[in-house]
Amino acid sequence: MGGGGVGGGVVVTLQPAPAADLLPALASWYGISARERTVVEQALRGEAVKQIARRLHLSPHTVNDHLKAIYRKTGVSSREELIACLSC
């Protein structure tokens, strides 16, 4: 058998998946709507509610309503907890 190096082995490195990569599975699992998912994506980027509202052409009240719905669906109580949940 050919191959370079000692024993010709393979090295695999495992690391946690980025939160953005976990979001589609989370959205499907918890029944998060497409609009709620967009709000989560912005929150993961560190955007403030007003920034999210401006970017998505929503009122800050609507963004907060989406966040509350996401918290209820996922069983978390804050943005920090949601981000931590996605980062596990």
C-alpha atoms as a PDB file:
ATOM      1  CA  MET A   1       0.000   0.000   0.000  1.00  0.00           C
ATOM      2  CA  GLY A   2       1.281   3.387  -0.864  1.00  0.00           C
ATOM      3  CA  GLY A   3       0.626   6.568   0.934  1.00  0.00           C
ATOM      4  CA  GLY A   4       2.687   9.176   2.529  1.00  0.00           C
ATOM      5  CA  GLY A   5       3.524   9.696   6.124  1.00  0.00           C
ATOM      6  CA  VAL A   6       3.620   7.283   8.969  1.00  0.00           C
ATOM      7  CA  GLY A   7       0.946   4.633   8.623  1.00  0.00           C
ATOM      8  CA  GLY A   8      -0.916   6.636   5.970  1.00  0.00           C
ATOM      9  CA  GLY A   9      -3.653   7.493   8.533  1.00  0.00           C
ATOM     10  CA  VAL A  10      -6.390  10.053   8.357  1.00  0.00           C
ATOM     11  CA  VAL A  11      -6.859  12.873  10.823  1.00  0.00           C
ATOM     12  CA  VAL A  12     -10.339  14.136  11.630  1.00  0.00           C
ATOM     13  CA  THR A  13     -10.939  17.303  13.610  1.00  0.00           C
ATOM     14  CA  LEU A  14     -14.290  17.812  15.299  1.00  0.00           C
ATOM     15  CA  GLN A  15     -15.565  21.209  16.302  1.00  0.00           C
ATOM     16  CA  PRO A  16     -18.955  22.656  17.170  1.00  0.00           C
ATOM     17  CA  ALA A  17     -21.047  23.734  14.195  1.00  0.00           C
ATOM     18  CA  PRO A  18     -21.502  27.489  13.815  1.00  0.00           C
ATOM     19  CA  ALA A  19     -24.886  28.738  15.021  1.00  0.00           C
ATOM     20  CA  ALA A  20     -25.858  29.773  11.485  1.00  0.00           C
ATOM     21  CA  ASP A  21     -25.368  26.173  10.330  1.00  0.00           C
ATOM     22  CA  LEU A  22     -27.635  24.877  13.102  1.00  0.00           C
ATOM     23  CA  LEU A  23     -30.414  27.369  12.403  1.00  0.00           C
ATOM     24  CA  PRO A  24     -32.212  25.414   9.629  1.00  0.00           C
ATOM     25  CA  ALA A  25     -32.471  22.344  11.865  1.00  0.00           C
ATOM     26  CA  LEU A  26     -33.572  24.446  14.832  1.00  0.00           C
ATOM     27  CA  ALA A  27     -36.209  26.210  12.739  1.00  0.00           C
ATOM     28  CA  SER A  28     -37.590  22.926  11.473  1.00  0.00           C
ATOM     29  CA  TRP A  29     -37.493  21.219  14.865  1.00  0.00           C
ATOM     30  CA  TYR A  30     -39.252  24.048  16.736  1.00  0.00           C
ATOM     31  CA  GLY A  31     -41.591  25.224  13.980  1.00  0.00           C
ATOM     32  CA  ILE A  32     -39.947  28.610  13.556  1.00  0.00           C
ATOM     33  CA  SER A  33     -41.419  30.504  10.611  1.00  0.00           C
ATOM     34  CA  ALA A  34     -39.339  31.870   7.751  1.00  0.00           C
ATOM     35  CA  ARG A  35     -39.733  35.433   9.057  1.00  0.00           C
ATOM     36  CA  GLU A  36     -38.780  34.393  12.593  1.00  0.00           C
ATOM     37  CA  ARG A  37     -35.743  32.615  11.190  1.00  0.00           C
ATOM     38  CA  THR A  38     -34.704  35.821   9.426  1.00  0.00           C
ATOM     39  CA  VAL A  39     -34.981  37.681  12.733  1.00  0.00           C
ATOM     40  CA  VAL A  40     -32.829  35.030  14.455  1.00  0.00           C
ATOM     41  CA  GLU A  41     -30.208  35.298  11.699  1.00  0.00           C
ATOM     42  CA  GLN A  42     -29.961  39.042  12.310  1.00  0.00           C
ATOM     43  CA  ALA A  43     -29.833  38.547  16.087  1.00  0.00           C
ATOM     44  CA  LEU A  44     -26.984  36.050  15.654  1.00  0.00           C
ATOM     45  CA  ARG A  45     -25.050  38.751  13.814  1.00  0.00           C
ATOM     46  CA  GLY A  46     -25.396  40.945  16.907  1.00  0.00           C
ATOM     47  CA  GLU A  47     -27.931  43.338  15.409  1.00  0.00           C
ATOM     48  CA  ALA A  48     -30.042  45.370  17.845  1.00  0.00           C
ATOM     49  CA  VAL A  49     -33.841  45.254  17.602  1.00  0.00           C
ATOM     50  CA  LYS A  50     -33.974  48.672  15.900  1.00  0.00           C
ATOM     51  CA  GLN A  51     -31.363  47.591  13.350  1.00  0.00           C
ATOM     52  CA  ILE A  52     -33.243  44.373  12.631  1.00  0.00           C
ATOM     53  CA  ALA A  53     -36.471  46.335  12.240  1.00  0.00           C
ATOM     54  CA  ARG A  54     -34.875  48.768   9.804  1.00  0.00           C
ATOM     55  CA  ARG A  55     -33.213  46.035   7.761  1.00  0.00           C
ATOM     56  CA  LEU A  56     -36.381  43.916   7.511  1.00  0.00           C
ATOM     57  CA  HIS A  57     -38.756  46.872   7.103  1.00  0.00           C
ATOM     58  CA  LEU A  58     -40.619  46.035  10.311  1.00  0.00           C
ATOM     59  CA  SER A  59     -41.451  47.971  13.437  1.00  0.00           C
ATOM     60  CA  PRO A  60     -39.320  47.307  16.524  1.00  0.00           C
ATOM     61  CA  HIS A  61     -42.524  46.075  18.202  1.00  0.00           C
ATOM     62  CA  THR A  62     -42.960  43.424  15.478  1.00  0.00           C
ATOM     63  CA  VAL A  63     -39.329  42.307  15.831  1.00  0.00           C
ATOM     64  CA  ASN A  64     -39.828  41.949  19.587  1.00  0.00           C
ATOM     65  CA  ASP A  65     -43.017  39.956  18.945  1.00  0.00           C
ATOM     66  CA  HIS A  66     -41.065  37.613  16.663  1.00  0.00           C
ATOM     67  CA  LEU A  67     -38.339  37.217  19.277  1.00  0.00           C
ATOM     68  CA  LYS A  68     -40.905  36.436  21.990  1.00  0.00           C
ATOM     69  CA  ALA A  69     -42.502  33.807  19.745  1.00  0.00           C
ATOM     70  CA  ILE A  70     -39.082  32.268  19.084  1.00  0.00           C
ATOM     71  CA  TYR A  71     -38.285  32.203  22.811  1.00  0.00           C
ATOM     72  CA  ARG A  72     -41.631  30.543  23.549  1.00  0.00           C
ATOM     73  CA  LYS A  73     -41.143  27.930  20.817  1.00  0.00           C
ATOM     74  CA  THR A  74     -37.573  27.094  21.847  1.00  0.00           C
ATOM     75  CA  GLY A  75     -38.086  27.297  25.607  1.00  0.00           C
ATOM     76  CA  VAL A  76     -35.522  30.036  26.191  1.00  0.00           C
ATOM     77  CA  SER A  77     -36.111  33.364  27.886  1.00  0.00           C
ATOM     78  CA  SER A  78     -33.636  35.749  26.264  1.00  0.00           C
ATOM     79  CA  ARG A  79     -31.575  36.459  23.184  1.00  0.00           C
ATOM     80  CA  GLU A  80     -28.416  35.499  25.065  1.00  0.00           C
ATOM     81  CA  GLU A  81     -29.942  32.146  26.009  1.00  0.00           C
ATOM     82  CA  LEU A  82     -31.049  31.532  22.402  1.00  0.00           C
ATOM     83  CA  ILE A  83     -27.563  32.279  21.084  1.00  0.00           C
ATOM     84  CA  ALA A  84     -26.018  30.066  23.768  1.00  0.00           C
ATOM     85  CA  CYS A  85     -28.451  27.290  22.803  1.00  0.00           C
ATOM     86  CA  LEU A  86     -27.367  27.564  19.171  1.00  0.00           C
ATOM     87  CA  SER A  87     -23.701  27.664  20.147  1.00  0.00           C
ATOM     88  CA  CYS A  88     -23.744  24.406  22.146  1.00  0.00           C
END
